Amino acid sequence: MAATMYICESNGTVPTVTMNVTSLNFGYSLTTAGDLTNLTANLYPIPAATSLGRSFEKWVRFNCSTMGASTYVYNFKIYNSSSMGASAEIRTNASSTTTTALVFPTSSGPSTLNRETTYYYNVVLSTAIPTTPNVCIGGVNSSWLTGTSGYSDYVVFQLYASSSATVGQTLTLSFQYDEVA
């Protein structure tokens, strides 16, 4: 039996973790109302901007709830498998280098502010499959999950949209990992 893996999203100032999210819809609100799992994008449109407008951050992790017959799970990768053209880009902290393991910001939770410097999401998410892992475990991108369960480090996403972006535009993010029995 294979490992049981989920994509989890954390929301709120006291984080609510939603296991096995089905959508990472990006949205904007003047209040924390836009910090929702599976939000309806047309109810929380990202404001059109001459420069790029920002969505609420998405704080996401891989979760291995059971190992099954696997010894370890590793090689975590996330990429944007659809093209947005010049109308939008997803910025992230996903990187092929070892990084600082982020702690969820319980004082303010996810935000629409530009916190690239604070949370290191200044990399545009690639539209190509990464050749090396870009999601860390304990700050190390070449690490793996072992034992009975565990989480990867947080990956932060923020959608930057230009005035030519279409509300409700569909993007496809791909999540990939390997496991060894």
C-alpha atoms as a PDB file:
ATOM      1  CA  MET A   1       0.000   0.000   0.000  1.00  0.00           C
ATOM      2  CA  ALA A   2       1.263   3.480  -0.919  1.00  0.00           C
ATOM      3  CA  ALA A   3       1.719   6.380   1.461  1.00  0.00           C
ATOM      4  CA  THR A   4      -1.379   8.530   2.033  1.00  0.00           C
ATOM      5  CA  MET A   5      -0.541  12.082   0.986  1.00  0.00           C
ATOM      6  CA  TYR A   6      -2.574  15.277   1.244  1.00  0.00           C
ATOM      7  CA  ILE A   7      -2.152  18.900   0.248  1.00  0.00           C
ATOM      8  CA  CYS A   8      -3.081  21.050   3.271  1.00  0.00           C
ATOM      9  CA  GLU A   9      -3.882  24.753   3.507  1.00  0.00           C
ATOM     10  CA  SER A  10      -3.627  26.816   6.704  1.00  0.00           C
ATOM     11  CA  ASN A  11      -5.858  29.869   7.245  1.00  0.00           C
ATOM     12  CA  GLY A  12      -6.638  32.367  10.010  1.00  0.00           C
ATOM     13  CA  THR A  13      -4.562  33.832  12.828  1.00  0.00           C
ATOM     14  CA  VAL A  14      -4.983  30.668  14.876  1.00  0.00           C
ATOM     15  CA  PRO A  15      -4.394  28.424  11.905  1.00  0.00           C
ATOM     16  CA  THR A  16      -7.165  26.153  10.774  1.00  0.00           C
ATOM     17  CA  VAL A  17      -5.589  23.370   8.732  1.00  0.00           C
ATOM     18  CA  THR A  18      -7.707  21.991   5.912  1.00  0.00           C
ATOM     19  CA  MET A  19      -6.521  18.559   4.816  1.00  0.00           C
ATOM     20  CA  ASN A  20      -6.805  17.469   1.189  1.00  0.00           C
ATOM     21  CA  VAL A  21      -7.742  20.831  -0.320  1.00  0.00           C
ATOM     22  CA  THR A  22      -9.463  20.598  -3.683  1.00  0.00           C
ATOM     23  CA  SER A  23      -8.738  24.141  -4.827  1.00  0.00           C
ATOM     24  CA  LEU A  24      -6.263  26.900  -4.082  1.00  0.00           C
ATOM     25  CA  ASN A  25      -8.468  29.700  -5.401  1.00  0.00           C
ATOM     26  CA  PHE A  26      -6.790  33.055  -4.923  1.00  0.00           C
ATOM     27  CA  GLY A  27      -8.792  36.090  -3.842  1.00  0.00           C
ATOM     28  CA  TYR A  28      -8.635  39.534  -2.270  1.00  0.00           C
ATOM     29  CA  SER A  29     -10.591  41.294   0.464  1.00  0.00           C
ATOM     30  CA  LEU A  30     -10.085  44.347   2.648  1.00  0.00           C
ATOM     31  CA  THR A  31     -10.725  42.064   5.614  1.00  0.00           C
ATOM     32  CA  THR A  32      -9.614  38.538   6.374  1.00  0.00           C
ATOM     33  CA  ALA A  33     -12.768  37.355   4.568  1.00  0.00           C
ATOM     34  CA  GLY A  34     -10.573  36.521   1.560  1.00  0.00           C
ATOM     35  CA  ASP A  35      -8.461  34.126   3.622  1.00  0.00           C
ATOM     36  CA  LEU A  36     -10.549  31.064   2.833  1.00  0.00           C
ATOM     37  CA  THR A  37      -9.986  27.526   1.708  1.00  0.00           C
ATOM     38  CA  ASN A  38     -11.819  26.780  -1.555  1.00  0.00           C
ATOM     39  CA  LEU A  39     -13.055  30.384  -1.849  1.00  0.00           C
ATOM     40  CA  THR A  40     -15.215  31.481  -4.779  1.00  0.00           C
ATOM     41  CA  ALA A  41     -12.852  33.689  -6.785  1.00  0.00           C
ATOM     42  CA  ASN A  42     -15.503  35.947  -8.348  1.00  0.00           C
ATOM     43  CA  LEU A  43     -16.712  36.909  -4.828  1.00  0.00           C
ATOM     44  CA  TYR A  44     -13.171  38.038  -3.891  1.00  0.00           C
ATOM     45  CA  PRO A  45     -11.636  39.449  -7.100  1.00  0.00           C
ATOM     46  CA  ILE A  46      -8.070  40.685  -6.981  1.00  0.00           C
ATOM     47  CA  PRO A  47      -8.203  44.417  -7.778  1.00  0.00           C
ATOM     48  CA  ALA A  48      -7.066  45.388 -11.258  1.00  0.00           C
ATOM     49  CA  ALA A  49      -3.767  47.167 -11.027  1.00  0.00           C
ATOM     50  CA  THR A  50      -1.444  48.943 -13.399  1.00  0.00           C
ATOM     51  CA  SER A  51       1.311  47.245 -11.502  1.00  0.00           C
ATOM     52  CA  LEU A  52       0.436  43.867 -10.072  1.00  0.00           C
ATOM     53  CA  GLY A  53      -2.393  43.532  -7.528  1.00  0.00           C
ATOM     54  CA  ARG A  54      -1.968  40.889  -4.824  1.00  0.00           C
ATOM     55  CA  SER A  55      -4.171  38.063  -3.575  1.00  0.00           C
ATOM     56  CA  PHE A  56      -4.264  36.703  -0.066  1.00  0.00           C
ATOM     57  CA  GLU A  57      -1.274  34.481   0.613  1.00  0.00           C
ATOM     58  CA  LYS A  58      -1.845  30.744   0.482  1.00  0.00           C
ATOM     59  CA  TRP A  59       0.080  28.763   3.119  1.00  0.00           C
ATOM     60  CA  VAL A  60       0.319  25.175   1.895  1.00  0.00           C
ATOM     61  CA  ARG A  61       2.123  21.985   2.990  1.00  0.00           C
ATOM     62  CA  PHE A  62       2.377  18.379   1.918  1.00  0.00           C
ATOM     63  CA  ASN A  63       1.111  15.985   4.594  1.00  0.00           C
ATOM     64  CA  CYS A  64       1.906  12.292   4.801  1.00  0.00           C
ATOM     65  CA  SER A  65      -0.790  10.913   7.109  1.00  0.00           C
ATOM     66  CA  THR A  66       0.381   7.287   6.844  1.00  0.00           C
ATOM     67  CA  MET A  67       3.435   5.685   5.266  1.00  0.00           C
ATOM     68  CA  GLY A  68       1.686   2.485   4.219  1.00  0.00           C
ATOM     69  CA  ALA A  69       4.400   0.145   2.925  1.00  0.00           C
ATOM     70  CA  SER A  70       6.694   3.048   2.064  1.00  0.00           C
ATOM     71  CA  THR A  71       9.952   3.643   3.917  1.00  0.00           C
ATOM     72  CA  TYR A  72      10.141   7.332   3.074  1.00  0.00           C
ATOM     73  CA  VAL A  73       8.625  10.068   0.905  1.00  0.00           C
ATOM     74  CA  TYR A  74      10.886  12.663  -0.726  1.00  0.00           C
ATOM     75  CA  ASN A  75      11.590  14.788  -3.819  1.00  0.00           C
ATOM     76  CA  PHE A  76       8.740  17.257  -3.192  1.00  0.00           C
ATOM     77  CA  LYS A  77       8.039  19.569  -6.132  1.00  0.00           C
ATOM     78  CA  ILE A  78       5.436  22.214  -6.918  1.00  0.00           C
ATOM     79  CA  TYR A  79       5.046  24.012 -10.231  1.00  0.00           C
ATOM     80  CA  ASN A  80       2.521  25.936 -12.298  1.00  0.00           C
ATOM     81  CA  SER A  81       1.548  23.591 -15.116  1.00  0.00           C
ATOM     82  CA  SER A  82      -0.500  26.244 -16.932  1.00  0.00           C
ATOM     83  CA  SER A  83       0.497  29.494 -18.573  1.00  0.00           C
ATOM     84  CA  MET A  84      -0.919  32.807 -17.387  1.00  0.00           C
ATOM     85  CA  GLY A  85       0.901  34.904 -19.948  1.00  0.00           C
ATOM     86  CA  ALA A  86       1.777  38.425 -18.830  1.00  0.00           C
ATOM     87  CA  SER A  87      -1.525  38.910 -16.954  1.00  0.00           C
ATOM     88  CA  ALA A  88      -0.503  37.207 -13.709  1.00  0.00           C
ATOM     89  CA  GLU A  89       2.246  35.373 -11.898  1.00  0.00           C
ATOM     90  CA  ILE A  90       2.450  33.305  -8.760  1.00  0.00           C
ATOM     91  CA  ARG A  91       5.245  34.252  -6.387  1.00  0.00           C
ATOM     92  CA  THR A  92       6.454  31.662  -3.926  1.00  0.00           C
ATOM     93  CA  ASN A  93       9.174  30.622  -1.531  1.00  0.00           C
ATOM     94  CA  ALA A  94       9.447  27.226  -3.302  1.00  0.00           C
ATOM     95  CA  SER A  95      13.117  27.010  -4.197  1.00  0.00           C
ATOM     96  CA  SER A  96      15.708  24.513  -5.341  1.00  0.00           C
ATOM     97  CA  THR A  97      17.973  25.669  -2.535  1.00  0.00           C
ATOM     98  CA  THR A  98      17.806  25.012   1.180  1.00  0.00           C
ATOM     99  CA  THR A  99      15.769  27.722   2.908  1.00  0.00           C
ATOM    100  CA  THR A 100      14.592  28.806   6.317  1.00  0.00           C
ATOM    101  CA  ALA A 101      11.626  26.711   7.497  1.00  0.00           C
ATOM    102  CA  LEU A 102       8.773  29.190   7.857  1.00  0.00           C
ATOM    103  CA  VAL A 103       6.545  29.396  10.899  1.00  0.00           C
ATOM    104  CA  PHE A 104       2.888  30.216  10.204  1.00  0.00           C
ATOM    105  CA  PRO A 105       2.277  33.912  11.077  1.00  0.00           C
ATOM    106  CA  THR A 106      -0.178  33.544  13.966  1.00  0.00           C
ATOM    107  CA  SER A 107      -0.069  37.261  14.784  1.00  0.00           C
ATOM    108  CA  SER A 108      -1.513  38.268  11.415  1.00  0.00           C
ATOM    109  CA  GLY A 109      -2.249  35.131   9.415  1.00  0.00           C
ATOM    110  CA  PRO A 110      -2.197  35.245   5.611  1.00  0.00           C
ATOM    111  CA  SER A 111      -2.286  38.719   4.102  1.00  0.00           C
ATOM    112  CA  THR A 112      -2.703  40.679   0.865  1.00  0.00           C
ATOM    113  CA  LEU A 113       0.300  42.819   1.745  1.00  0.00           C
ATOM    114  CA  ASN A 114       3.630  42.499  -0.006  1.00  0.00           C
ATOM    115  CA  ARG A 115       5.542  40.349   2.509  1.00  0.00           C
ATOM    116  CA  GLU A 116       7.992  38.852   0.003  1.00  0.00           C
ATOM    117  CA  THR A 117      11.004  39.859   2.070  1.00  0.00           C
ATOM    118  CA  THR A 118       9.583  38.554   5.345  1.00  0.00           C
ATOM    119  CA  TYR A 119       8.425  35.194   3.979  1.00  0.00           C
ATOM    120  CA  TYR A 120      10.855  34.797   1.066  1.00  0.00           C
ATOM    121  CA  TYR A 121       8.233  34.411  -1.652  1.00  0.00           C
ATOM    122  CA  ASN A 122      10.064  36.461  -4.232  1.00  0.00           C
ATOM    123  CA  VAL A 123      10.466  33.639  -6.773  1.00  0.00           C
ATOM    124  CA  VAL A 124       8.022  33.343  -9.684  1.00  0.00           C
ATOM    125  CA  LEU A 125       6.630  29.803  -9.631  1.00  0.00           C
ATOM    126  CA  SER A 126       8.042  27.926 -12.601  1.00  0.00           C
ATOM    127  CA  THR A 127       5.821  26.600 -15.373  1.00  0.00           C
ATOM    128  CA  ALA A 128       8.267  23.728 -15.914  1.00  0.00           C
ATOM    129  CA  ILE A 129       8.697  20.649 -13.754  1.00  0.00           C
ATOM    130  CA  PRO A 130      11.615  21.419 -11.428  1.00  0.00           C
ATOM    131  CA  THR A 131      14.661  19.203 -11.951  1.00  0.00           C
ATOM    132  CA  THR A 132      15.347  19.189  -8.199  1.00  0.00           C
ATOM    133  CA  PRO A 133      13.034  19.345  -5.161  1.00  0.00           C
ATOM    134  CA  ASN A 134      11.709  22.850  -4.436  1.00  0.00           C
ATOM    135  CA  VAL A 135       9.823  22.074  -1.206  1.00  0.00           C
ATOM    136  CA  CYS A 136      11.838  21.648   1.967  1.00  0.00           C
ATOM    137  CA  ILE A 137      11.467  19.544   5.080  1.00  0.00           C
ATOM    138  CA  GLY A 138      13.087  21.181   8.086  1.00  0.00           C
ATOM    139  CA  GLY A 139      14.641  23.802   5.801  1.00  0.00           C
ATOM    140  CA  VAL A 140      16.412  21.202   3.632  1.00  0.00           C
ATOM    141  CA  ASN A 141      15.123  20.523   0.114  1.00  0.00           C
ATOM    142  CA  SER A 142      16.892  17.170  -0.170  1.00  0.00           C
ATOM    143  CA  SER A 143      15.260  15.806   2.994  1.00  0.00           C
ATOM    144  CA  TRP A 144      12.470  13.227   3.297  1.00  0.00           C
ATOM    145  CA  LEU A 145       9.572  12.213   5.510  1.00  0.00           C
ATOM    146  CA  THR A 146       9.981   8.942   7.400  1.00  0.00           C
ATOM    147  CA  GLY A 147       8.124   7.213  10.208  1.00  0.00           C
ATOM    148  CA  THR A 148       4.359   7.200  10.422  1.00  0.00           C
ATOM    149  CA  SER A 149       3.410  10.747   9.383  1.00  0.00           C
ATOM    150  CA  GLY A 150       4.626  14.305   8.916  1.00  0.00           C
ATOM    151  CA  TYR A 151       4.491  17.622   7.098  1.00  0.00           C
ATOM    152  CA  SER A 152       6.748  19.352   4.618  1.00  0.00           C
ATOM    153  CA  ASP A 153       7.714  22.958   5.308  1.00  0.00           C
ATOM    154  CA  TYR A 154       5.195  25.643   4.365  1.00  0.00           C
ATOM    155  CA  VAL A 155       5.127  26.858   0.802  1.00  0.00           C
ATOM    156  CA  VAL A 156       3.702  30.366   0.499  1.00  0.00           C
ATOM    157  CA  PHE A 157       1.962  31.474  -2.693  1.00  0.00           C
ATOM    158  CA  GLN A 158       0.673  34.914  -3.630  1.00  0.00           C
ATOM    159  CA  LEU A 159      -0.972  35.634  -6.962  1.00  0.00           C
ATOM    160  CA  TYR A 160       0.043  38.924  -8.583  1.00  0.00           C
ATOM    161  CA  ALA A 161      -2.491  40.042 -11.210  1.00  0.00           C
ATOM    162  CA  SER A 162      -2.225  42.847 -13.772  1.00  0.00           C
ATOM    163  CA  SER A 163      -5.122  44.900 -15.127  1.00  0.00           C
ATOM    164  CA  SER A 164      -5.382  42.444 -18.053  1.00  0.00           C
ATOM    165  CA  ALA A 165      -5.993  39.421 -15.801  1.00  0.00           C
ATOM    166  CA  THR A 166      -9.377  37.719 -16.002  1.00  0.00           C
ATOM    167  CA  VAL A 167     -11.339  37.084 -12.805  1.00  0.00           C
ATOM    168  CA  GLY A 168     -11.822  33.345 -12.418  1.00  0.00           C
ATOM    169  CA  GLN A 169      -8.951  32.466 -14.764  1.00  0.00           C
ATOM    170  CA  THR A 170      -8.045  28.828 -14.198  1.00  0.00           C
ATOM    171  CA  LEU A 171      -4.501  27.963 -13.239  1.00  0.00           C
ATOM    172  CA  THR A 172      -3.227  24.488 -12.591  1.00  0.00           C
ATOM    173  CA  LEU A 173      -0.645  23.921  -9.893  1.00  0.00           C
ATOM    174  CA  SER A 174       0.982  20.501  -9.862  1.00  0.00           C
ATOM    175  CA  PHE A 175       2.274  18.769  -6.742  1.00  0.00           C
ATOM    176  CA  GLN A 176       4.714  15.892  -7.121  1.00  0.00           C
ATOM    177  CA  TYR A 177       6.672  13.588  -4.809  1.00  0.00           C
ATOM    178  CA  ASP A 178       8.366  10.201  -4.839  1.00  0.00           C
ATOM    179  CA  GLU A 179       8.173   7.384  -2.331  1.00  0.00           C
ATOM    180  CA  VAL A 180      10.355   4.360  -1.651  1.00  0.00           C
ATOM    181  CA  ALA A 181       8.999   1.088  -0.330  1.00  0.00           C
END
